[in-house]
Amino acid sequence: MLGLGGTPPPLDRKLAASRLGHRHRQIAAIVGVITIRAVDQHVHAGKYQFDMAQLLNGD
């Protein structure tokens, strides 16, 4: 697969880069969704704990 000097031919490199770019975007999108959900759950959990603390403290 490798050309002379251990570097892939330009076309192969471009193809690999575009595949990698697409895969990277997919992974980034999945990670982004997971992060948003995790943050959302954390915020709701934090809000719930804060409300419970207010109730317990009688504020």
PDB file of N, CA and C in Angstrom:
ATOM      1  N   MET A   1       0.828  -1.206   0.000  1.00  0.00           N
ATOM      2  CA  MET A   1       0.000   0.000   0.000  1.00  0.00           C
ATOM      3  C   MET A   1       0.867   1.263   0.000  1.00  0.00           C
ATOM      4  N   LEU A   2       1.993   1.213   0.699  1.00  0.00           N
ATOM      5  CA  LEU A   2       2.825   2.402   0.819  1.00  0.00           C
ATOM      6  C   LEU A   2       3.642   2.655  -0.434  1.00  0.00           C
ATOM      7  N   GLY A   3       3.793   3.923  -0.803  1.00  0.00           N
ATOM      8  CA  GLY A   3       4.612   4.300  -1.953  1.00  0.00           C
ATOM      9  C   GLY A   3       6.067   4.384  -1.540  1.00  0.00           C
ATOM     10  N   LEU A   4       6.884   4.971  -2.402  1.00  0.00           N
ATOM     11  CA  LEU A   4       8.306   5.127  -2.098  1.00  0.00           C
ATOM     12  C   LEU A   4       8.502   6.057  -0.896  1.00  0.00           C
ATOM     13  N   GLY A   5       9.489   5.728  -0.083  1.00  0.00           N
ATOM     14  CA  GLY A   5       9.774   6.573   1.077  1.00  0.00           C
ATOM     15  C   GLY A   5       8.808   6.366   2.230  1.00  0.00           C
ATOM     16  N   GLY A   6       7.966   5.338   2.147  1.00  0.00           N
ATOM     17  CA  GLY A   6       7.061   5.022   3.246  1.00  0.00           C
ATOM     18  C   GLY A   6       5.840   5.924   3.345  1.00  0.00           C
ATOM     19  N   THR A   7       5.572   6.739   2.303  1.00  0.00           N
ATOM     20  CA  THR A   7       4.382   7.590   2.328  1.00  0.00           C
ATOM     21  C   THR A   7       3.369   7.070   1.324  1.00  0.00           C
ATOM     22  N   PRO A   8       2.099   7.077   1.656  1.00  0.00           N
ATOM     23  CA  PRO A   8       1.090   6.602   0.697  1.00  0.00           C
ATOM     24  C   PRO A   8       0.977   7.551  -0.493  1.00  0.00           C
ATOM     25  N   PRO A   9       0.595   7.047  -1.652  1.00  0.00           N
ATOM     26  CA  PRO A   9       0.389   7.920  -2.810  1.00  0.00           C
ATOM     27  C   PRO A   9      -0.652   8.995  -2.492  1.00  0.00           C
ATOM     28  N   PRO A  10      -0.557  10.169  -3.136  1.00  0.00           N
ATOM     29  CA  PRO A  10      -1.458  11.280  -2.827  1.00  0.00           C
ATOM     30  C   PRO A  10      -2.939  10.904  -2.849  1.00  0.00           C
ATOM     31  N   LEU A  11      -3.350  10.115  -3.835  1.00  0.00           N
ATOM     32  CA  LEU A  11      -4.764   9.745  -3.955  1.00  0.00           C
ATOM     33  C   LEU A  11      -5.203   8.917  -2.746  1.00  0.00           C
ATOM     34  N   ASP A  12      -4.385   7.924  -2.385  1.00  0.00           N
ATOM     35  CA  ASP A  12      -4.702   7.099  -1.229  1.00  0.00           C
ATOM     36  C   ASP A  12      -4.749   7.936   0.037  1.00  0.00           C
ATOM     37  N   ARG A  13      -3.806   8.860   0.156  1.00  0.00           N
ATOM     38  CA  ARG A  13      -3.748   9.718   1.339  1.00  0.00           C
ATOM     39  C   ARG A  13      -5.015  10.571   1.427  1.00  0.00           C
ATOM     40  N   LYS A  14      -5.443  11.100   0.263  1.00  0.00           N
ATOM     41  CA  LYS A  14      -6.630  11.945   0.227  1.00  0.00           C
ATOM     42  C   LYS A  14      -7.873  11.130   0.590  1.00  0.00           C
ATOM     43  N   LEU A  15      -7.937   9.927   0.054  1.00  0.00           N
ATOM     44  CA  LEU A  15      -9.065   9.032   0.317  1.00  0.00           C
ATOM     45  C   LEU A  15      -9.115   8.677   1.806  1.00  0.00           C
ATOM     46  N   ALA A  16      -7.960   8.321   2.366  1.00  0.00           N
ATOM     47  CA  ALA A  16      -7.874   7.974   3.782  1.00  0.00           C
ATOM     48  C   ALA A  16      -8.257   9.164   4.656  1.00  0.00           C
ATOM     49  N   ALA A  17      -7.806  10.353   4.260  1.00  0.00           N
ATOM     50  CA  ALA A  17      -8.113  11.564   5.025  1.00  0.00           C
ATOM     51  C   ALA A  17      -9.610  11.856   5.006  1.00  0.00           C
ATOM     52  N   SER A  18     -10.246  11.686   3.846  1.00  0.00           N
ATOM     53  CA  SER A  18     -11.682  11.967   3.757  1.00  0.00           C
ATOM     54  C   SER A  18     -12.468  10.927   4.559  1.00  0.00           C
ATOM     55  N   ARG A  19     -12.024   9.674   4.516  1.00  0.00           N
ATOM     56  CA  ARG A  19     -12.678   8.633   5.310  1.00  0.00           C
ATOM     57  C   ARG A  19     -12.514   8.937   6.790  1.00  0.00           C
ATOM     58  N   LEU A  20     -11.299   9.282   7.161  1.00  0.00           N
ATOM     59  CA  LEU A  20     -10.997   9.593   8.550  1.00  0.00           C
ATOM     60  C   LEU A  20     -11.808  10.802   9.004  1.00  0.00           C
ATOM     61  N   GLY A  21     -11.882  11.821   8.142  1.00  0.00           N
ATOM     62  CA  GLY A  21     -12.642  13.027   8.454  1.00  0.00           C
ATOM     63  C   GLY A  21     -14.104  12.714   8.695  1.00  0.00           C
ATOM     64  N   HIS A  22     -14.678  11.857   7.844  1.00  0.00           N
ATOM     65  CA  HIS A  22     -16.090  11.486   7.988  1.00  0.00           C
ATOM     66  C   HIS A  22     -16.292  10.711   9.287  1.00  0.00           C
ATOM     67  N   ARG A  23     -15.389   9.774   9.545  1.00  0.00           N
ATOM     68  CA  ARG A  23     -15.466   8.957  10.752  1.00  0.00           C
ATOM     69  C   ARG A  23     -15.313   9.851  11.985  1.00  0.00           C
ATOM     70  N   HIS A  24     -14.391  10.792  11.905  1.00  0.00           N
ATOM     71  CA  HIS A  24     -14.134  11.708  13.019  1.00  0.00           C
ATOM     72  C   HIS A  24     -15.366  12.557  13.311  1.00  0.00           C
ATOM     73  N   ARG A  25     -16.030  13.020  12.245  1.00  0.00           N
ATOM     74  CA  ARG A  25     -17.249  13.818  12.433  1.00  0.00           C
ATOM     75  C   ARG A  25     -18.343  12.976  13.079  1.00  0.00           C
ATOM     76  N   GLN A  26     -18.475  11.711  12.651  1.00  0.00           N
ATOM     77  CA  GLN A  26     -19.476  10.822  13.249  1.00  0.00           C
ATOM     78  C   GLN A  26     -19.201  10.645  14.739  1.00  0.00           C
ATOM     79  N   ILE A  27     -17.941  10.366  15.065  1.00  0.00           N
ATOM     80  CA  ILE A  27     -17.546  10.165  16.459  1.00  0.00           C
ATOM     81  C   ILE A  27     -17.784  11.443  17.259  1.00  0.00           C
ATOM     82  N   ALA A  28     -17.400  12.579  16.691  1.00  0.00           N
ATOM     83  CA  ALA A  28     -17.590  13.866  17.367  1.00  0.00           C
ATOM     84  C   ALA A  28     -19.074  14.121  17.625  1.00  0.00           C
ATOM     85  N   ALA A  29     -19.916  13.783  16.657  1.00  0.00           N
ATOM     86  CA  ALA A  29     -21.356  13.977  16.815  1.00  0.00           C
ATOM     87  C   ALA A  29     -21.900  13.086  17.933  1.00  0.00           C
ATOM     88  N   ILE A  30     -21.476  11.830  17.960  1.00  0.00           N
ATOM     89  CA  ILE A  30     -21.920  10.890  18.999  1.00  0.00           C
ATOM     90  C   ILE A  30     -21.450  11.357  20.369  1.00  0.00           C
ATOM     91  N   VAL A  31     -20.187  11.726  20.461  1.00  0.00           N
ATOM     92  CA  VAL A  31     -19.624  12.211  21.732  1.00  0.00           C
ATOM     93  C   VAL A  31     -20.354  13.478  22.176  1.00  0.00           C
ATOM     94  N   GLY A  32     -20.643  14.355  21.218  1.00  0.00           N
ATOM     95  CA  GLY A  32     -21.365  15.587  21.525  1.00  0.00           C
ATOM     96  C   GLY A  32     -22.736  15.313  22.109  1.00  0.00           C
ATOM     97  N   VAL A  33     -23.465  14.383  21.514  1.00  0.00           N
ATOM     98  CA  VAL A  33     -24.801  14.028  22.001  1.00  0.00           C
ATOM     99  C   VAL A  33     -24.706  13.437  23.406  1.00  0.00           C
ATOM    100  N   ILE A  34     -23.747  12.533  23.615  1.00  0.00           N
ATOM    101  CA  ILE A  34     -23.560  11.917  24.934  1.00  0.00           C
ATOM    102  C   ILE A  34     -23.209  12.985  25.962  1.00  0.00           C
ATOM    103  N   THR A  35     -22.320  13.901  25.587  1.00  0.00           N
ATOM    104  CA  THR A  35     -21.906  14.967  26.501  1.00  0.00           C
ATOM    105  C   THR A  35     -23.085  15.849  26.867  1.00  0.00           C
ATOM    106  N   ILE A  36     -23.886  16.232  25.865  1.00  0.00           N
ATOM    107  CA  ILE A  36     -25.058  17.081  26.117  1.00  0.00           C
ATOM    108  C   ILE A  36     -26.020  16.366  27.059  1.00  0.00           C
ATOM    109  N   ARG A  37     -26.267  15.096  26.812  1.00  0.00           N
ATOM    110  CA  ARG A  37     -27.176  14.333  27.673  1.00  0.00           C
ATOM    111  C   ARG A  37     -26.632  14.223  29.093  1.00  0.00           C
ATOM    112  N   ALA A  38     -25.340  13.954  29.200  1.00  0.00           N
ATOM    113  CA  ALA A  38     -24.709  13.818  30.518  1.00  0.00           C
ATOM    114  C   ALA A  38     -24.783  15.130  31.282  1.00  0.00           C
ATOM    115  N   VAL A  39     -24.481  16.233  30.594  1.00  0.00           N
ATOM    116  CA  VAL A  39     -24.541  17.556  31.227  1.00  0.00           C
ATOM    117  C   VAL A  39     -25.979  17.860  31.630  1.00  0.00           C
ATOM    118  N   ASP A  40     -26.923  17.563  30.753  1.00  0.00           N
ATOM    119  CA  ASP A  40     -28.338  17.803  31.014  1.00  0.00           C
ATOM    120  C   ASP A  40     -28.780  17.036  32.264  1.00  0.00           C
ATOM    121  N   GLN A  41     -28.410  15.758  32.337  1.00  0.00           N
ATOM    122  CA  GLN A  41     -28.756  14.943  33.502  1.00  0.00           C
ATOM    123  C   GLN A  41     -28.089  15.495  34.755  1.00  0.00           C
ATOM    124  N   HIS A  42     -26.847  15.907  34.628  1.00  0.00           N
ATOM    125  CA  HIS A  42     -26.098  16.439  35.761  1.00  0.00           C
ATOM    126  C   HIS A  42     -26.754  17.716  36.269  1.00  0.00           C
ATOM    127  N   VAL A  43     -27.161  18.584  35.337  1.00  0.00           N
ATOM    128  CA  VAL A  43     -27.823  19.836  35.716  1.00  0.00           C
ATOM    129  C   VAL A  43     -29.136  19.536  36.427  1.00  0.00           C
ATOM    130  N   HIS A  44     -29.929  18.612  35.873  1.00  0.00           N
ATOM    131  CA  HIS A  44     -31.200  18.268  36.509  1.00  0.00           C
ATOM    132  C   HIS A  44     -30.970  17.658  37.883  1.00  0.00           C
ATOM    133  N   ALA A  45     -29.973  16.793  37.982  1.00  0.00           N
ATOM    134  CA  ALA A  45     -29.649  16.170  39.272  1.00  0.00           C
ATOM    135  C   ALA A  45     -29.210  17.236  40.265  1.00  0.00           C
ATOM    136  N   GLY A  46     -28.372  18.166  39.808  1.00  0.00           N
ATOM    137  CA  GLY A  46     -27.893  19.250  40.664  1.00  0.00           C
ATOM    138  C   GLY A  46     -29.039  20.140  41.120  1.00  0.00           C
ATOM    139  N   LYS A  47     -29.959  20.428  40.206  1.00  0.00           N
ATOM    140  CA  LYS A  47     -31.107  21.273  40.519  1.00  0.00           C
ATOM    141  C   LYS A  47     -31.985  20.571  41.559  1.00  0.00           C
ATOM    142  N   TYR A  48     -32.174  19.271  41.346  1.00  0.00           N
ATOM    143  CA  TYR A  48     -33.000  18.482  42.267  1.00  0.00           C
ATOM    144  C   TYR A  48     -32.375  18.456  43.662  1.00  0.00           C
ATOM    145  N   GLN A  49     -31.058  18.239  43.723  1.00  0.00           N
ATOM    146  CA  GLN A  49     -30.354  18.225  45.008  1.00  0.00           C
ATOM    147  C   GLN A  49     -30.433  19.595  45.681  1.00  0.00           C
ATOM    148  N   PHE A  50     -30.322  20.642  44.879  1.00  0.00           N
ATOM    149  CA  PHE A  50     -30.389  22.004  45.409  1.00  0.00           C
ATOM    150  C   PHE A  50     -31.776  22.264  45.992  1.00  0.00           C
ATOM    151  N   ASP A  51     -32.831  21.846  45.265  1.00  0.00           N
ATOM    152  CA  ASP A  51     -34.196  22.018  45.753  1.00  0.00           C
ATOM    153  C   ASP A  51     -34.413  21.226  47.039  1.00  0.00           C
ATOM    154  N   MET A  52     -33.865  20.003  47.093  1.00  0.00           N
ATOM    155  CA  MET A  52     -33.991  19.190  48.305  1.00  0.00           C
ATOM    156  C   MET A  52     -33.288  19.874  49.477  1.00  0.00           C
ATOM    157  N   ALA A  53     -32.127  20.456  49.226  1.00  0.00           N
ATOM    158  CA  ALA A  53     -31.380  21.152  50.275  1.00  0.00           C
ATOM    159  C   ALA A  53     -32.189  22.339  50.784  1.00  0.00           C
ATOM    160  N   GLN A  54     -32.825  23.067  49.892  1.00  0.00           N
ATOM    161  CA  GLN A  54     -33.668  24.206  50.292  1.00  0.00           C
ATOM    162  C   GLN A  54     -34.817  23.718  51.169  1.00  0.00           C
ATOM    163  N   LEU A  55     -35.447  22.623  50.747  1.00  0.00           N
ATOM    164  CA  LEU A  55     -36.573  22.094  51.524  1.00  0.00           C
ATOM    165  C   LEU A  55     -36.119  21.649  52.912  1.00  0.00           C
ATOM    166  N   LEU A  56     -34.987  20.962  52.971  1.00  0.00           N
ATOM    167  CA  LEU A  56     -34.481  20.452  54.244  1.00  0.00           C
ATOM    168  C   LEU A  56     -34.057  21.588  55.169  1.00  0.00           C
ATOM    169  N   ASN A  57     -33.500  22.658  54.573  1.00  0.00           N
ATOM    170  CA  ASN A  57     -33.047  23.794  55.372  1.00  0.00           C
ATOM    171  C   ASN A  57     -34.190  24.737  55.727  1.00  0.00           C
ATOM    172  N   GLY A  58     -35.337  24.549  55.075  1.00  0.00           N
ATOM    173  CA  GLY A  58     -36.486  25.397  55.356  1.00  0.00           C
ATOM    174  C   GLY A  58     -36.364  26.783  54.763  1.00  0.00           C
ATOM    175  N   ASP A  59     -35.492  26.959  53.753  1.00  0.00           N
ATOM    176  CA  ASP A  59     -35.338  28.280  53.112  1.00  0.00           C
ATOM    177  C   ASP A  59     -36.480  28.531  52.144  1.00  0.00           C
TER     178      ASP A  59
END
